[in-house]
Amino acid sequence: MSISYEIDGEIYEQKPLVLGQMGQLTELLKGVVIPPDINRLGVISLLGNKLPAALAVVLTPKGCKVRDKDIEAVEKELEFSMSPEIAIQVIEDFFTCNPIQSLLEQIGGMVEKITEQIEIPGSTNSSASSQAETSPKEKKSSGDTP
């Protein structure tokens, strides 16, 4: 799936993210907390001055490979040529191209499977023994009052 946008006479494309772009966005958005119920205008507000950089990561000039893209040059170009309406459309299309919720669910399922397969030595025995030791029916400690 590829979505094209004409911005100031140039064609930019948005495709599903590749690992390199995910890393770039992760670095760019470090410390930014995105609420689960955020809307498109909320994304723009949340990103603030990082919006042109985020759009430069997501959009690639037509005919250019993602790995060969000069993100700083694309960011400078988009910052002063992209209309707010196109920015909103790019953000909406981002969530269509990249089903983030589905990806997070898949990662969560994978983590659960891995955790189930990992046996932590003594994990079941230590919890059972610590419960018995802390039971009020056990021998009283020296700090108990009569």
Protein backbone atom coordinates (compact mmCIF):
# COMPACT_ATOMS: atom_id res chain seq x y z
CA MET A 1 0.00 0.00 0.00
CA SER A 2 1.35 3.39 -1.00
CA ILE A 3 -0.34 6.77 -0.63
CA SER A 4 0.91 9.77 -2.59
CA TYR A 5 0.72 13.47 -1.75
CA GLU A 6 1.60 16.47 -3.89
CA ILE A 7 3.31 19.09 -1.78
CA ASP A 8 4.61 22.24 -3.43
CA GLY A 9 4.90 20.48 -6.79
CA GLU A 10 6.76 17.46 -5.39
CA ILE A 11 5.30 13.98 -4.91
CA TYR A 12 5.85 12.29 -1.55
CA GLU A 13 4.84 8.73 -0.71
CA GLN A 14 3.77 7.09 2.51
CA LYS A 15 4.14 3.33 2.82
CA PRO A 16 3.97 0.98 5.80
CA LEU A 17 6.89 1.64 8.14
CA VAL A 18 10.09 -0.33 7.91
CA LEU A 19 12.29 -1.08 10.92
CA GLY A 20 14.61 1.87 10.26
CA GLN A 21 11.70 4.31 10.28
CA MET A 22 10.35 2.77 13.48
CA GLY A 23 13.72 3.42 15.11
CA GLN A 24 13.79 7.00 13.83
CA LEU A 25 10.29 7.70 15.16
CA THR A 26 11.09 6.06 18.49
CA GLU A 27 14.14 8.28 18.90
CA LEU A 28 12.23 11.38 17.83
CA LEU A 29 9.31 10.70 20.18
CA LYS A 30 11.37 9.75 23.24
CA GLY A 31 9.58 11.03 26.32
CA VAL A 32 6.35 11.81 24.47
CA VAL A 33 3.35 10.04 26.02
CA ILE A 34 0.58 9.36 23.51
CA PRO A 35 -2.84 8.80 25.12
CA PRO A 36 -4.77 5.83 23.71
CA ASP A 37 -7.80 7.94 22.77
CA ILE A 38 -5.91 10.66 20.90
CA ASN A 39 -7.36 12.09 17.69
CA ARG A 40 -5.62 13.57 14.64
CA LEU A 41 -5.60 17.13 16.00
CA GLY A 42 -4.29 15.82 19.30
CA VAL A 43 -1.38 14.18 17.48
CA ILE A 44 -0.50 17.49 15.81
CA SER A 45 -0.70 19.33 19.13
CA LEU A 46 1.27 16.63 20.96
CA LEU A 47 4.07 16.60 18.39
CA GLY A 48 4.28 20.39 18.28
CA ASN A 49 7.58 21.45 16.77
CA LYS A 50 8.53 17.79 16.18
CA LEU A 51 5.75 17.44 13.59
CA PRO A 52 7.86 18.32 10.51
CA ALA A 53 10.56 15.84 11.59
CA ALA A 54 7.98 13.09 12.17
CA LEU A 55 6.41 13.77 8.77
CA ALA A 56 9.89 13.66 7.18
CA VAL A 57 10.41 10.19 8.65
CA VAL A 58 7.03 8.97 7.39
CA LEU A 59 7.08 10.56 3.93
CA THR A 60 9.60 9.77 1.20
CA PRO A 61 10.09 11.71 -2.05
CA LYS A 62 8.83 9.66 -4.99
CA GLY A 63 11.60 7.61 -6.56
CA CYS A 64 13.82 7.78 -3.47
CA LYS A 65 14.51 4.74 -1.30
CA VAL A 66 13.70 5.17 2.39
CA ARG A 67 17.29 4.39 3.39
CA ASP A 68 18.68 7.01 0.97
CA LYS A 69 16.39 9.83 2.10
CA ASP A 70 17.92 13.00 3.56
CA ILE A 71 15.50 13.42 6.47
CA GLU A 72 16.78 16.87 7.41
CA ALA A 73 16.29 18.19 3.86
CA VAL A 74 12.79 16.66 3.67
CA GLU A 75 11.94 18.14 7.07
CA LYS A 76 13.00 21.64 6.00
CA GLU A 77 11.04 21.34 2.77
CA LEU A 78 7.86 20.07 4.45
CA GLU A 79 8.00 22.61 7.28
CA PHE A 80 7.43 25.53 4.94
CA SER A 81 5.46 23.92 2.13
CA MET A 82 2.98 21.47 3.69
CA SER A 83 -0.49 22.75 4.52
CA PRO A 84 -2.16 21.80 7.80
CA GLU A 85 -4.86 19.93 5.80
CA ILE A 86 -2.27 17.68 4.15
CA ALA A 87 -0.53 17.15 7.51
CA ILE A 88 -3.83 15.97 8.99
CA GLN A 89 -4.38 13.66 6.00
CA VAL A 90 -0.87 12.20 6.34
CA ILE A 91 -1.50 11.47 10.04
CA GLU A 92 -4.85 9.81 9.29
CA ASP A 93 -3.24 7.74 6.53
CA PHE A 94 -0.38 6.79 8.85
CA PHE A 95 -2.76 4.85 11.06
CA THR A 96 -4.30 3.19 7.99
CA CYS A 97 -0.89 2.15 6.64
CA ASN A 98 0.40 1.08 10.05
CA PRO A 99 -2.11 -0.73 12.26
CA ILE A 100 -0.21 0.14 15.44
CA GLN A 101 -2.78 -1.41 17.79
CA SER A 102 -2.59 -4.71 15.92
CA LEU A 103 1.20 -4.62 16.03
CA LEU A 104 1.21 -3.95 19.78
CA GLU A 105 -1.22 -6.83 20.35
CA GLN A 106 1.01 -9.17 18.34
CA ILE A 107 4.07 -8.10 20.34
CA GLY A 108 2.13 -8.57 23.60
CA GLY A 109 1.07 -12.07 22.54
CA MET A 110 4.63 -12.92 21.61
CA VAL A 111 5.90 -11.72 25.00
CA GLU A 112 3.26 -13.84 26.79
CA LYS A 113 4.31 -16.96 24.84
CA ILE A 114 7.96 -16.36 25.61
CA THR A 115 7.24 -15.79 29.30
CA GLU A 116 5.19 -18.98 29.49
CA GLN A 117 8.07 -20.95 27.98
CA ILE A 118 10.68 -19.54 30.33
CA GLU A 119 10.81 -21.49 33.60
CA ILE A 120 12.24 -19.47 36.44
CA PRO A 121 13.96 -21.86 38.87
CA GLY A 122 12.23 -21.98 42.25
CA SER A 123 9.54 -19.45 41.31
CA THR A 124 6.59 -21.65 42.35
CA ASN A 125 8.35 -23.13 45.36
CA SER A 126 9.59 -19.82 46.73
CA SER A 127 6.16 -18.21 46.63
CA ALA A 128 4.57 -21.17 48.39
CA SER A 129 7.25 -21.27 51.07
CA SER A 130 7.13 -17.54 51.70
CA GLN A 131 3.36 -17.69 52.15
CA ALA A 132 3.69 -20.43 54.76
CA GLU A 133 6.37 -18.52 56.63
CA THR A 134 4.29 -15.37 56.84
CA SER A 135 1.06 -17.08 57.84
CA PRO A 136 -0.36 -15.79 61.17
CA LYS A 137 -0.80 -19.41 62.38
CA GLU A 138 2.93 -19.95 62.30
CA LYS A 139 5.29 -19.45 65.20
CA LYS A 140 5.07 -15.92 66.60
CA SER A 141 8.01 -13.60 66.13
CA SER A 142 9.66 -11.80 69.00
CA GLY A 143 7.84 -8.60 67.95
CA ASP A 144 4.33 -10.03 68.45
CA THR A 145 2.28 -8.71 71.33
CA PRO A 146 0.42 -11.16 73.58
